Structure formats: structure tokens, C-alpha cells
Amino acid sequence: MKLAIILLAAYVVDRIVGDPRNLPHPVVYMGKAISSIERLIRRFASAPRALKRAGLLLPLLVAGGAWMLTALLVMLLYKISPWLAGAAEVWLISTTIASKGLKDAGLAVYIELRQGDIPAARRALGMIVGRDTVHLESPEIVRGTVETVAENIVDAIISPLFFALLGGAPLAMAYRAVNTLDSMVGYKNDKYRDLGWASARLDDVANYIPARITALFLTLCAALLRLDWRRCWRTVRRDARLHPSPNSGYPESAVAGALGIRLGGENVYHGVTSFRAYMGDPLRTMEPEDIIVTSRMMMLSSAIFVCLCAAVALLWQGMGG
């Protein structure tokens, strides 16, 4: 089955089906593998230097294992039937994408805000962010939701499609393993500073190009949705580098500029206040509708990008044929 069809079909499957709870999900097994390997490492290594060396094993074993197992599965299925293998690739790639899940998560917060149920909106936001939400009021709930949706455009949609284009389901699955590693051990706290450094760095490298591609497509979407695309691009150029992450600032600053709002500021994590650099200018107060507009930018930018990926795949195959 042609890669272009596989990419388009995988994206459509995710847009329609998402991640059904009654079906096994590869990320669940990745998480279990990471936890098991971490426990094994900590049985034999406790000193900082030993943990740093062992930290190199995590991405090699988890991401490398995800790539190898997926490649073997696809190869075996192709020997049985190209159609069966193609269907498997569609499903596997769709599990690395989370456009529907991201949209639904933002919508859940929006609905509670529109109904005026602030406690329920706080709980809905708490399902998708790590910050404390119990004392947040409506503008801060909107900010947290917009930041989360914007940031995850990269690692939940654009990056998986980017790596699927480069290497099919095996490379997309390897990317998802890298991203899962970062979400589990890529913290700069006492527990994971040494063990998780390699996973965090690899995630930064993997998302470097997709994050900048995302900023370009969000600027295009701002123009198509009749938002301020010039301010969008100016904000990216001015503020993206201020974010503590080398990649997250690109989608966040793009959305902030397009909407005319300011993201960033103080967040509280387990009772400890942390300041994140501002993205954009506070031209107006944030409103629940900003969540919907951000979701529209996400869906439009991802749809355009997957079509571009399919076109590139067709071009490659045409040149190869």
C-alpha cells in the first residue's frame, strides 16, 4: 500500500476514532516497559555517574525496541498480505497521533467554562496538565488549556506524521517511544536528573524540526482563519526562544500572536510556584472561545500538513518508480 494512502488513512482514523479505551494501545506497553527497565536499572545503579550512563540505555532499549518490533511485525505481515500489512501500518501510525484526543480534551474544559462550572473546568484541565488547578479562575483555566493544546500540536500530531513520512510505522512508533520516555523520566528533579537526561535531550532533538514547521503552518492557518498572521509570525520570532523548552515556544507563541493574548506566567506545581516566560501581548482578556479557535488552528494545520506529507510521499515514490 502506498505511503501516501497510509498517512492519510492513519490521520483520518485518528480524527474519527481517536484512542478507543477497549483496544490495546502501544503507549501503554511502552510505559510498562519503561517502568520495568527503570526498576532494573535502579537495582544496579544509584550513583549519579552510573545513572547517567544507564540513562543512555533507556532510549536505546525503548525507542530502538519499538522500532525493531514494529519493523518485524510489518515485514512479517507483508509476507502474508500487502493489504494486511498496510492496514496494520495505518492503525499503528494512528496510535501515534492524538488530534481527536487533544481536541476532545480542550472541548471538555470549554464546555464546563461555558456552563459556568469552574470547579468542573479545573478538574477537566487537571486531566491534561501537570500544574495545580484547584485555585485557578476562568482566564487562567483558558490559558492552561490553550497552552496545552498549542504545545501538543507538535508532539501529538506534526512530529508523528513527520517521522511516519520518513520511515513509516516503525519510525513513527520509535518517535512515540521517545516522547513517552520524556513524559515519564525527562524531568530535571532529583529523581530523574541523571537517569532521564538522554531521553529529554533526544526528545528535544526529535521535535526540533517539527516544532518550527508547526509555527509556519500555524501562521498559514492564522491567515486562512482571518486571524492576525503578521502578528502571529512576529510573536514567533520574538518570543519562541524565551520558552524554557527549545521547541514548545514555537507553537505557543504562534497561537498567542494569532489570538492577541499573552500566554505564560506563573504556574504552581505541587505547591511550588514557577514562572514561565511570557508569549505574546495581553491585548485582551482570555475567553473560553480562545480554546475553540486554538483547536481550529490545530485541526487545520494538521490537515494541511498531512496532505503535504502525502504529496511528498507520492513525489518520492514517483521519482523512485
C-alpha atoms as a PDB file:
ATOM      1  CA  MET A   1       0.000   0.000   0.000  1.00  0.00           C
ATOM      2  CA  LYS A   2       1.412   3.394  -0.926  1.00  0.00           C
ATOM      3  CA  LEU A   3       2.795   5.504   1.923  1.00  0.00           C
ATOM      4  CA  ALA A   4       0.648   8.489   0.892  1.00  0.00           C
ATOM      5  CA  ILE A   5      -2.546   6.464   1.372  1.00  0.00           C
ATOM      6  CA  ILE A   6      -1.275   5.051   4.660  1.00  0.00           C
ATOM      7  CA  LEU A   7      -0.542   8.528   6.062  1.00  0.00           C
ATOM      8  CA  LEU A   8      -3.900   9.952   5.009  1.00  0.00           C
ATOM      9  CA  ALA A   9      -5.793   6.915   6.281  1.00  0.00           C
ATOM     10  CA  ALA A  10      -3.973   6.947   9.621  1.00  0.00           C
ATOM     11  CA  TYR A  11      -4.819  10.610  10.114  1.00  0.00           C
ATOM     12  CA  VAL A  12      -8.478  10.031   9.227  1.00  0.00           C
ATOM     13  CA  VAL A  13      -8.672   7.062  11.602  1.00  0.00           C
ATOM     14  CA  ASP A  14      -7.370   9.197  14.436  1.00  0.00           C
ATOM     15  CA  ARG A  15      -9.707  12.086  13.584  1.00  0.00           C
ATOM     16  CA  ILE A  16     -12.725   9.765  13.637  1.00  0.00           C
ATOM     17  CA  VAL A  17     -11.863   7.048  16.151  1.00  0.00           C
ATOM     18  CA  GLY A  18      -9.130   8.511  18.344  1.00  0.00           C
ATOM     19  CA  ASP A  19      -7.911   6.110  21.036  1.00  0.00           C
ATOM     20  CA  PRO A  20     -10.744   3.713  21.977  1.00  0.00           C
ATOM     21  CA  ARG A  21     -10.372   2.578  25.573  1.00  0.00           C
ATOM     22  CA  ASN A  22     -11.362  -1.004  24.762  1.00  0.00           C
ATOM     23  CA  LEU A  23      -8.449  -1.511  22.349  1.00  0.00           C
ATOM     24  CA  PRO A  24      -4.825  -2.094  23.398  1.00  0.00           C
ATOM     25  CA  HIS A  25      -2.629   0.958  22.887  1.00  0.00           C
ATOM     26  CA  PRO A  26       1.125   0.730  22.187  1.00  0.00           C
ATOM     27  CA  VAL A  27       1.890   3.657  24.515  1.00  0.00           C
ATOM     28  CA  VAL A  28       0.518   1.653  27.457  1.00  0.00           C
ATOM     29  CA  TYR A  29       3.020  -1.113  26.761  1.00  0.00           C
ATOM     30  CA  MET A  30       5.786   1.431  26.242  1.00  0.00           C
ATOM     31  CA  GLY A  31       5.020   2.880  29.669  1.00  0.00           C
ATOM     32  CA  LYS A  32       5.148  -0.550  31.278  1.00  0.00           C
ATOM     33  CA  ALA A  33       8.459  -1.312  29.552  1.00  0.00           C
ATOM     34  CA  ILE A  34       9.954   1.999  30.704  1.00  0.00           C
ATOM     35  CA  SER A  35       8.883   1.384  34.308  1.00  0.00           C
ATOM     36  CA  SER A  36      10.307  -2.145  34.258  1.00  0.00           C
ATOM     37  CA  ILE A  37      13.638  -1.041  32.786  1.00  0.00           C
ATOM     38  CA  GLU A  38      13.860   1.835  35.271  1.00  0.00           C
ATOM     39  CA  ARG A  39      13.348  -0.529  38.204  1.00  0.00           C
ATOM     40  CA  LEU A  40      16.011  -2.856  36.818  1.00  0.00           C
ATOM     41  CA  ILE A  41      18.489  -0.020  36.334  1.00  0.00           C
ATOM     42  CA  ARG A  42      17.969   1.309  39.857  1.00  0.00           C
ATOM     43  CA  ARG A  43      18.698  -2.135  41.289  1.00  0.00           C
ATOM     44  CA  PHE A  44      22.248  -1.923  39.960  1.00  0.00           C
ATOM     45  CA  ALA A  45      22.939   1.824  39.748  1.00  0.00           C
ATOM     46  CA  SER A  46      22.487   4.570  42.321  1.00  0.00           C
ATOM     47  CA  ALA A  47      25.428   6.959  41.935  1.00  0.00           C
ATOM     48  CA  PRO A  48      24.865   9.977  39.620  1.00  0.00           C
ATOM     49  CA  ARG A  49      27.567   8.910  37.156  1.00  0.00           C
ATOM     50  CA  ALA A  50      26.205   5.364  36.942  1.00  0.00           C
ATOM     51  CA  LEU A  51      22.668   6.654  36.443  1.00  0.00           C
ATOM     52  CA  LYS A  52      23.813   8.978  33.660  1.00  0.00           C
ATOM     53  CA  ARG A  53      25.455   6.098  31.849  1.00  0.00           C
ATOM     54  CA  ALA A  54      22.414   3.917  32.406  1.00  0.00           C
ATOM     55  CA  GLY A  55      20.257   6.765  31.122  1.00  0.00           C
ATOM     56  CA  LEU A  56      21.703   6.133  27.676  1.00  0.00           C
ATOM     57  CA  LEU A  57      20.194   2.647  27.753  1.00  0.00           C
ATOM     58  CA  LEU A  58      16.618   3.852  28.104  1.00  0.00           C
ATOM     59  CA  PRO A  59      16.184   5.430  24.641  1.00  0.00           C
ATOM     60  CA  LEU A  60      18.306   2.695  23.055  1.00  0.00           C
ATOM     61  CA  LEU A  61      16.204  -0.090  24.542  1.00  0.00           C
ATOM     62  CA  VAL A  62      12.758   1.519  24.416  1.00  0.00           C
ATOM     63  CA  ALA A  63      12.894   3.540  21.196  1.00  0.00           C
ATOM     64  CA  GLY A  64      15.139   1.019  19.483  1.00  0.00           C
ATOM     65  CA  GLY A  65      12.931  -1.819  20.651  1.00  0.00           C
ATOM     66  CA  ALA A  66       9.779  -0.070  19.444  1.00  0.00           C
ATOM     67  CA  TRP A  67      11.320   0.455  16.014  1.00  0.00           C
ATOM     68  CA  MET A  68      12.586  -3.137  15.748  1.00  0.00           C
ATOM     69  CA  LEU A  69       9.357  -4.802  16.898  1.00  0.00           C
ATOM     70  CA  THR A  70       7.221  -2.653  14.598  1.00  0.00           C
ATOM     71  CA  ALA A  71       9.527  -3.230  11.640  1.00  0.00           C
ATOM     72  CA  LEU A  72       9.483  -7.001  12.210  1.00  0.00           C
ATOM     73  CA  LEU A  73       5.695  -7.051  12.525  1.00  0.00           C
ATOM     74  CA  VAL A  74       5.176  -5.055   9.337  1.00  0.00           C
ATOM     75  CA  MET A  75       7.715  -7.169   7.455  1.00  0.00           C
ATOM     76  CA  LEU A  76       6.031 -10.417   8.505  1.00  0.00           C
ATOM     77  CA  LEU A  77       2.601  -9.088   7.597  1.00  0.00           C
ATOM     78  CA  TYR A  78       3.812  -8.016   4.157  1.00  0.00           C
ATOM     79  CA  LYS A  79       4.831 -11.624   3.513  1.00  0.00           C
ATOM     80  CA  ILE A  80       1.261 -12.659   4.269  1.00  0.00           C
ATOM     81  CA  SER A  81      -0.569  -9.838   2.504  1.00  0.00           C
ATOM     82  CA  PRO A  82       0.409  -6.281   1.475  1.00  0.00           C
ATOM     83  CA  TRP A  83      -3.129  -5.171   2.310  1.00  0.00           C
ATOM     84  CA  LEU A  84      -2.933  -6.660   5.806  1.00  0.00           C
ATOM     85  CA  ALA A  85       0.452  -5.016   6.377  1.00  0.00           C
ATOM     86  CA  GLY A  86      -0.856  -1.709   5.064  1.00  0.00           C
ATOM     87  CA  ALA A  87      -3.852  -1.867   7.383  1.00  0.00           C
ATOM     88  CA  ALA A  88      -1.538  -2.596  10.311  1.00  0.00           C
ATOM     89  CA  GLU A  89       0.632   0.399   9.427  1.00  0.00           C
ATOM     90  CA  VAL A  90      -2.446   2.614   9.251  1.00  0.00           C
ATOM     91  CA  TRP A  91      -3.551   1.528  12.705  1.00  0.00           C
ATOM     92  CA  LEU A  92      -0.066   1.740  14.223  1.00  0.00           C
ATOM     93  CA  ILE A  93       0.579   5.242  12.870  1.00  0.00           C
ATOM     94  CA  SER A  94      -2.876   6.363  14.009  1.00  0.00           C
ATOM     95  CA  THR A  95      -1.968   5.371  17.581  1.00  0.00           C
ATOM     96  CA  THR A  96       0.992   7.776  17.484  1.00  0.00           C
ATOM     97  CA  ILE A  97      -1.335  10.688  16.599  1.00  0.00           C
ATOM     98  CA  ALA A  98      -3.734  12.313  19.058  1.00  0.00           C
ATOM     99  CA  SER A  99      -5.632  15.025  17.199  1.00  0.00           C
ATOM    100  CA  LYS A 100      -9.066  13.820  18.330  1.00  0.00           C
ATOM    101  CA  GLY A 101      -7.944  13.253  21.895  1.00  0.00           C
ATOM    102  CA  LEU A 102      -6.388  16.708  22.068  1.00  0.00           C
ATOM    103  CA  LYS A 103      -9.467  18.363  20.603  1.00  0.00           C
ATOM    104  CA  ASP A 104     -11.797  16.462  22.937  1.00  0.00           C
ATOM    105  CA  ALA A 105      -9.694  17.363  25.984  1.00  0.00           C
ATOM    106  CA  GLY A 106      -9.846  21.055  25.138  1.00  0.00           C
ATOM    107  CA  LEU A 107     -13.555  20.843  24.391  1.00  0.00           C
ATOM    108  CA  ALA A 108     -14.234  19.239  27.779  1.00  0.00           C
ATOM    109  CA  VAL A 109     -12.735  22.282  29.521  1.00  0.00           C
ATOM    110  CA  TYR A 110     -14.568  24.687  27.206  1.00  0.00           C
ATOM    111  CA  ILE A 111     -17.966  23.094  27.889  1.00  0.00           C
ATOM    112  CA  GLU A 112     -17.546  23.394  31.656  1.00  0.00           C
ATOM    113  CA  LEU A 113     -16.469  27.024  31.346  1.00  0.00           C
ATOM    114  CA  ARG A 114     -19.432  27.877  29.135  1.00  0.00           C
ATOM    115  CA  GLN A 115     -21.736  26.279  31.695  1.00  0.00           C
ATOM    116  CA  GLY A 116     -20.118  28.338  34.450  1.00  0.00           C
ATOM    117  CA  ASP A 117     -18.918  25.286  36.373  1.00  0.00           C
ATOM    118  CA  ILE A 118     -15.441  26.472  37.375  1.00  0.00           C
ATOM    119  CA  PRO A 119     -14.666  23.509  39.703  1.00  0.00           C
ATOM    120  CA  ALA A 120     -15.519  21.062  36.900  1.00  0.00           C
ATOM    121  CA  ALA A 121     -13.392  23.087  34.449  1.00  0.00           C
ATOM    122  CA  ARG A 122     -10.487  22.936  36.897  1.00  0.00           C
ATOM    123  CA  ARG A 123     -10.850  19.159  37.120  1.00  0.00           C
ATOM    124  CA  ALA A 124     -11.028  18.823  33.334  1.00  0.00           C
ATOM    125  CA  LEU A 125      -7.878  20.916  32.958  1.00  0.00           C
ATOM    126  CA  GLY A 126      -6.162  18.889  35.674  1.00  0.00           C
ATOM    127  CA  MET A 127      -6.573  15.806  33.490  1.00  0.00           C
ATOM    128  CA  ILE A 128      -4.261  17.228  30.821  1.00  0.00           C
ATOM    129  CA  VAL A 129      -1.724  19.405  32.683  1.00  0.00           C
ATOM    130  CA  GLY A 130       0.773  18.855  35.463  1.00  0.00           C
ATOM    131  CA  ARG A 131       0.193  22.193  37.192  1.00  0.00           C
ATOM    132  CA  ASP A 132      -2.082  22.672  40.188  1.00  0.00           C
ATOM    133  CA  THR A 133      -5.537  23.764  39.032  1.00  0.00           C
ATOM    134  CA  VAL A 134      -7.602  23.829  42.213  1.00  0.00           C
ATOM    135  CA  HIS A 135      -7.434  27.635  42.664  1.00  0.00           C
ATOM    136  CA  LEU A 136      -7.482  28.756  39.020  1.00  0.00           C
ATOM    137  CA  GLU A 137     -10.145  31.131  37.728  1.00  0.00           C
ATOM    138  CA  SER A 138     -11.562  31.223  34.203  1.00  0.00           C
ATOM    139  CA  PRO A 139      -8.785  33.220  32.411  1.00  0.00           C
ATOM    140  CA  GLU A 140      -6.066  31.011  33.881  1.00  0.00           C
ATOM    141  CA  ILE A 141      -8.021  27.867  33.027  1.00  0.00           C
ATOM    142  CA  VAL A 142      -8.266  29.130  29.442  1.00  0.00           C
ATOM    143  CA  ARG A 143      -4.544  29.879  29.442  1.00  0.00           C
ATOM    144  CA  GLY A 144      -3.648  26.396  30.648  1.00  0.00           C
ATOM    145  CA  THR A 145      -5.879  24.773  28.042  1.00  0.00           C
ATOM    146  CA  VAL A 146      -4.648  26.922  25.153  1.00  0.00           C
ATOM    147  CA  GLU A 147      -1.013  26.325  26.142  1.00  0.00           C
ATOM    148  CA  THR A 148      -1.532  22.572  26.337  1.00  0.00           C
ATOM    149  CA  VAL A 149      -3.372  22.287  23.028  1.00  0.00           C
ATOM    150  CA  ALA A 150      -0.847  24.540  21.267  1.00  0.00           C
ATOM    151  CA  GLU A 151       2.217  22.768  22.684  1.00  0.00           C
ATOM    152  CA  ASN A 152       0.897  19.318  21.837  1.00  0.00           C
ATOM    153  CA  ILE A 153       0.272  20.162  18.186  1.00  0.00           C
ATOM    154  CA  VAL A 154       3.945  19.308  17.751  1.00  0.00           C
ATOM    155  CA  ASP A 155       4.433  16.067  19.655  1.00  0.00           C
ATOM    156  CA  ALA A 156       0.892  14.721  19.285  1.00  0.00           C
ATOM    157  CA  ILE A 157       0.393  15.373  15.562  1.00  0.00           C
ATOM    158  CA  ILE A 158       3.105  17.027  13.471  1.00  0.00           C
ATOM    159  CA  SER A 159       6.094  15.045  14.771  1.00  0.00           C
ATOM    160  CA  PRO A 160       4.491  11.586  14.433  1.00  0.00           C
ATOM    161  CA  LEU A 161       3.403  12.399  10.867  1.00  0.00           C
ATOM    162  CA  PHE A 162       6.859  13.795  10.089  1.00  0.00           C
ATOM    163  CA  PHE A 163       8.596  10.602  11.211  1.00  0.00           C
ATOM    164  CA  ALA A 164       5.968   8.391   9.583  1.00  0.00           C
ATOM    165  CA  LEU A 165       6.768  10.151   6.316  1.00  0.00           C
ATOM    166  CA  LEU A 166      10.478   9.483   6.805  1.00  0.00           C
ATOM    167  CA  GLY A 167      10.235   5.878   7.979  1.00  0.00           C
ATOM    168  CA  GLY A 168       6.680   4.579   8.067  1.00  0.00           C
ATOM    169  CA  ALA A 169       5.120   2.989  11.133  1.00  0.00           C
ATOM    170  CA  PRO A 170       8.452   1.800  12.657  1.00  0.00           C
ATOM    171  CA  LEU A 171       9.936   5.300  12.847  1.00  0.00           C
ATOM    172  CA  ALA A 172       6.648   6.852  13.977  1.00  0.00           C
ATOM    173  CA  MET A 173       6.475   4.282  16.772  1.00  0.00           C
ATOM    174  CA  ALA A 174      10.097   4.955  17.727  1.00  0.00           C
ATOM    175  CA  TYR A 175       9.258   8.662  17.973  1.00  0.00           C
ATOM    176  CA  ARG A 176       6.265   7.912  20.186  1.00  0.00           C
ATOM    177  CA  ALA A 177       8.578   5.875  22.431  1.00  0.00           C
ATOM    178  CA  VAL A 178      10.975   8.826  22.696  1.00  0.00           C
ATOM    179  CA  ASN A 179       8.105  11.153  23.568  1.00  0.00           C
ATOM    180  CA  THR A 180       6.768   8.705  26.159  1.00  0.00           C
ATOM    181  CA  LEU A 181      10.220   8.441  27.708  1.00  0.00           C
ATOM    182  CA  ASP A 182      10.410  12.215  28.014  1.00  0.00           C
ATOM    183  CA  SER A 183       6.992  12.380  29.663  1.00  0.00           C
ATOM    184  CA  MET A 184       7.976   9.713  32.203  1.00  0.00           C
ATOM    185  CA  VAL A 185      11.646  10.318  33.018  1.00  0.00           C
ATOM    186  CA  GLY A 186      12.627  13.565  31.288  1.00  0.00           C
ATOM    187  CA  TYR A 187      12.388  15.738  34.404  1.00  0.00           C
ATOM    188  CA  LYS A 188      15.064  17.944  35.953  1.00  0.00           C
ATOM    189  CA  ASN A 189      14.264  16.919  39.520  1.00  0.00           C
ATOM    190  CA  ASP A 190      16.419  14.928  41.907  1.00  0.00           C
ATOM    191  CA  LYS A 191      14.883  11.605  40.894  1.00  0.00           C
ATOM    192  CA  TYR A 192      15.332  11.869  37.117  1.00  0.00           C
ATOM    193  CA  ARG A 193      18.025  14.494  36.509  1.00  0.00           C
ATOM    194  CA  ASP A 194      20.664  11.825  35.899  1.00  0.00           C
ATOM    195  CA  LEU A 195      18.618   8.904  34.612  1.00  0.00           C
ATOM    196  CA  GLY A 196      16.412  10.920  32.260  1.00  0.00           C
ATOM    197  CA  TRP A 197      18.865  13.371  30.700  1.00  0.00           C
ATOM    198  CA  ALA A 198      19.415  11.366  27.500  1.00  0.00           C
ATOM    199  CA  SER A 199      15.687  10.813  26.984  1.00  0.00           C
ATOM    200  CA  ALA A 200      14.957  14.520  27.440  1.00  0.00           C
ATOM    201  CA  ARG A 201      17.724  15.558  25.034  1.00  0.00           C
ATOM    202  CA  LEU A 202      16.605  13.052  22.401  1.00  0.00           C
ATOM    203  CA  ASP A 203      13.032  14.345  22.633  1.00  0.00           C
ATOM    204  CA  ASP A 204      14.305  17.897  22.109  1.00  0.00           C
ATOM    205  CA  VAL A 205      16.264  16.804  19.037  1.00  0.00           C
ATOM    206  CA  ALA A 206      13.365  14.801  17.612  1.00  0.00           C
ATOM    207  CA  ASN A 207      10.949  17.724  17.885  1.00  0.00           C
ATOM    208  CA  TYR A 208      13.353  20.431  16.708  1.00  0.00           C
ATOM    209  CA  ILE A 209      12.360  20.483  13.032  1.00  0.00           C
ATOM    210  CA  PRO A 210       8.658  19.630  13.529  1.00  0.00           C
ATOM    211  CA  ALA A 211       8.249  22.481  16.047  1.00  0.00           C
ATOM    212  CA  ARG A 212       9.490  25.032  13.548  1.00  0.00           C
ATOM    213  CA  ILE A 213       7.376  23.515  10.785  1.00  0.00           C
ATOM    214  CA  THR A 214       4.392  23.823  13.115  1.00  0.00           C
ATOM    215  CA  ALA A 215       4.998  27.540  13.596  1.00  0.00           C
ATOM    216  CA  LEU A 216       4.959  28.020   9.815  1.00  0.00           C
ATOM    217  CA  PHE A 217       1.717  26.103   9.391  1.00  0.00           C
ATOM    218  CA  LEU A 218       0.055  27.891  12.303  1.00  0.00           C
ATOM    219  CA  THR A 219       0.937  31.196  10.661  1.00  0.00           C
ATOM    220  CA  LEU A 220      -0.668  29.966   7.441  1.00  0.00           C
ATOM    221  CA  CYS A 221      -3.732  28.857   9.388  1.00  0.00           C
ATOM    222  CA  ALA A 222      -3.956  32.252  11.063  1.00  0.00           C
ATOM    223  CA  ALA A 223      -4.233  33.794   7.606  1.00  0.00           C
ATOM    224  CA  LEU A 224      -6.814  31.238   6.430  1.00  0.00           C
ATOM    225  CA  LEU A 225      -8.916  31.747   9.572  1.00  0.00           C
ATOM    226  CA  ARG A 226      -8.658  35.533   9.198  1.00  0.00           C
ATOM    227  CA  LEU A 227      -6.633  35.978  12.342  1.00  0.00           C
ATOM    228  CA  ASP A 228      -3.627  38.294  12.565  1.00  0.00           C
ATOM    229  CA  TRP A 229      -0.994  36.206  10.772  1.00  0.00           C
ATOM    230  CA  ARG A 230       1.545  39.043  10.718  1.00  0.00           C
ATOM    231  CA  ARG A 231       1.402  39.398  14.499  1.00  0.00           C
ATOM    232  CA  CYS A 232       1.500  35.595  14.718  1.00  0.00           C
ATOM    233  CA  TRP A 233       4.806  35.437  12.854  1.00  0.00           C
ATOM    234  CA  ARG A 234       6.285  38.455  14.670  1.00  0.00           C
ATOM    235  CA  THR A 235       5.471  36.860  18.005  1.00  0.00           C
ATOM    236  CA  VAL A 236       7.150  33.598  16.992  1.00  0.00           C
ATOM    237  CA  ARG A 237      10.307  35.431  16.002  1.00  0.00           C
ATOM    238  CA  ARG A 238      10.318  37.498  19.188  1.00  0.00           C
ATOM    239  CA  ASP A 239       9.128  35.103  21.898  1.00  0.00           C
ATOM    240  CA  ALA A 240       9.630  31.466  20.835  1.00  0.00           C
ATOM    241  CA  ARG A 241      13.225  31.362  22.050  1.00  0.00           C
ATOM    242  CA  LEU A 242      12.229  32.630  25.513  1.00  0.00           C
ATOM    243  CA  HIS A 243      10.426  29.408  26.395  1.00  0.00           C
ATOM    244  CA  PRO A 244      12.402  27.021  28.642  1.00  0.00           C
ATOM    245  CA  SER A 245      11.815  24.294  26.059  1.00  0.00           C
ATOM    246  CA  PRO A 246      13.710  24.672  22.758  1.00  0.00           C
ATOM    247  CA  ASN A 247      10.564  23.611  20.897  1.00  0.00           C
ATOM    248  CA  SER A 248       7.371  24.373  22.852  1.00  0.00           C
ATOM    249  CA  GLY A 249       7.744  28.120  22.418  1.00  0.00           C
ATOM    250  CA  TYR A 250       7.123  27.902  18.679  1.00  0.00           C
ATOM    251  CA  PRO A 251       3.500  26.676  18.693  1.00  0.00           C
ATOM    252  CA  GLU A 252       2.643  28.572  21.874  1.00  0.00           C
ATOM    253  CA  SER A 253       3.961  31.926  20.637  1.00  0.00           C
ATOM    254  CA  ALA A 254       2.281  31.396  17.257  1.00  0.00           C
ATOM    255  CA  VAL A 255      -1.114  30.832  18.854  1.00  0.00           C
ATOM    256  CA  ALA A 256      -0.628  33.716  21.297  1.00  0.00           C
ATOM    257  CA  GLY A 257       0.227  36.091  18.459  1.00  0.00           C
ATOM    258  CA  ALA A 258      -2.641  34.953  16.259  1.00  0.00           C
ATOM    259  CA  LEU A 259      -5.194  35.344  19.070  1.00  0.00           C
ATOM    260  CA  GLY A 260      -3.799  38.555  20.529  1.00  0.00           C
ATOM    261  CA  ILE A 261      -3.377  37.100  24.008  1.00  0.00           C
ATOM    262  CA  ARG A 262      -0.462  36.519  26.371  1.00  0.00           C
ATOM    263  CA  LEU A 263       0.467  33.003  27.426  1.00  0.00           C
ATOM    264  CA  GLY A 264       2.999  32.059  30.066  1.00  0.00           C
ATOM    265  CA  GLY A 265       3.359  33.461  33.570  1.00  0.00           C
ATOM    266  CA  GLU A 266       3.131  31.828  36.978  1.00  0.00           C
ATOM    267  CA  ASN A 267       2.203  28.164  37.354  1.00  0.00           C
ATOM    268  CA  VAL A 268       2.084  26.142  40.554  1.00  0.00           C
ATOM    269  CA  TYR A 269       3.409  22.578  40.628  1.00  0.00           C
ATOM    270  CA  HIS A 270       2.779  20.591  43.821  1.00  0.00           C
ATOM    271  CA  GLY A 271       2.580  23.827  45.786  1.00  0.00           C
ATOM    272  CA  VAL A 272       5.743  25.342  44.290  1.00  0.00           C
ATOM    273  CA  THR A 273       5.351  28.445  42.119  1.00  0.00           C
ATOM    274  CA  SER A 274       7.255  28.522  38.831  1.00  0.00           C
ATOM    275  CA  PHE A 275       7.443  31.350  36.308  1.00  0.00           C
ATOM    276  CA  ARG A 276       7.363  30.659  32.571  1.00  0.00           C
ATOM    277  CA  ALA A 277       8.350  33.361  30.077  1.00  0.00           C
ATOM    278  CA  TYR A 278       5.517  35.328  28.527  1.00  0.00           C
ATOM    279  CA  MET A 279       4.445  34.526  24.971  1.00  0.00           C
ATOM    280  CA  GLY A 280       2.538  37.247  23.105  1.00  0.00           C
ATOM    281  CA  ASP A 281       0.982  40.539  24.231  1.00  0.00           C
ATOM    282  CA  PRO A 282      -2.081  40.929  26.516  1.00  0.00           C
ATOM    283  CA  LEU A 283      -4.195  42.835  24.012  1.00  0.00           C
ATOM    284  CA  ARG A 284      -7.363  41.491  25.612  1.00  0.00           C
ATOM    285  CA  THR A 285      -8.613  39.153  28.338  1.00  0.00           C
ATOM    286  CA  MET A 286      -8.582  35.471  27.503  1.00  0.00           C
ATOM    287  CA  GLU A 287     -12.017  33.957  26.890  1.00  0.00           C
ATOM    288  CA  PRO A 288     -13.315  30.355  26.597  1.00  0.00           C
ATOM    289  CA  GLU A 289     -13.721  30.818  22.824  1.00  0.00           C
ATOM    290  CA  ASP A 290      -9.916  31.011  22.581  1.00  0.00           C
ATOM    291  CA  ILE A 291      -9.884  27.267  23.259  1.00  0.00           C
ATOM    292  CA  ILE A 292     -12.119  26.664  20.248  1.00  0.00           C
ATOM    293  CA  VAL A 293     -10.036  28.889  17.978  1.00  0.00           C
ATOM    294  CA  THR A 294      -6.855  27.139  19.101  1.00  0.00           C
ATOM    295  CA  SER A 295      -8.447  23.774  18.320  1.00  0.00           C
ATOM    296  CA  ARG A 296      -9.423  25.031  14.881  1.00  0.00           C
ATOM    297  CA  MET A 297      -5.848  26.116  14.245  1.00  0.00           C
ATOM    298  CA  MET A 298      -4.655  22.700  15.391  1.00  0.00           C
ATOM    299  CA  MET A 299      -7.057  20.764  13.165  1.00  0.00           C
ATOM    300  CA  LEU A 300      -6.490  22.936  10.107  1.00  0.00           C
ATOM    301  CA  SER A 301      -2.691  22.971  10.417  1.00  0.00           C
ATOM    302  CA  SER A 302      -2.569  19.192  10.894  1.00  0.00           C
ATOM    303  CA  ALA A 303      -4.903  18.563   7.936  1.00  0.00           C
ATOM    304  CA  ILE A 304      -2.768  20.726   5.668  1.00  0.00           C
ATOM    305  CA  PHE A 305       0.422  19.083   6.926  1.00  0.00           C
ATOM    306  CA  VAL A 306      -0.789  15.506   6.372  1.00  0.00           C
ATOM    307  CA  CYS A 307      -1.832  16.442   2.830  1.00  0.00           C
ATOM    308  CA  LEU A 308       1.642  17.859   2.248  1.00  0.00           C
ATOM    309  CA  CYS A 309       3.194  14.680   3.646  1.00  0.00           C
ATOM    310  CA  ALA A 310       1.071  12.585   1.287  1.00  0.00           C
ATOM    311  CA  ALA A 311       2.113  14.750  -1.663  1.00  0.00           C
ATOM    312  CA  VAL A 312       5.791  14.397  -0.729  1.00  0.00           C
ATOM    313  CA  ALA A 313       5.374  10.621  -0.399  1.00  0.00           C
ATOM    314  CA  LEU A 314       3.821  10.439  -3.860  1.00  0.00           C
ATOM    315  CA  LEU A 315       6.652  12.528  -5.273  1.00  0.00           C
ATOM    316  CA  TRP A 316       9.281  10.284  -3.690  1.00  0.00           C
ATOM    317  CA  GLN A 317       7.605   7.141  -4.968  1.00  0.00           C
ATOM    318  CA  GLY A 318       7.230   8.676  -8.427  1.00  0.00           C
ATOM    319  CA  MET A 319      10.913   9.526  -8.526  1.00  0.00           C
ATOM    320  CA  GLY A 320      11.803   6.060  -7.284  1.00  0.00           C
ATOM    321  CA  GLY A 321       9.499   4.407  -9.808  1.00  0.00           C
END
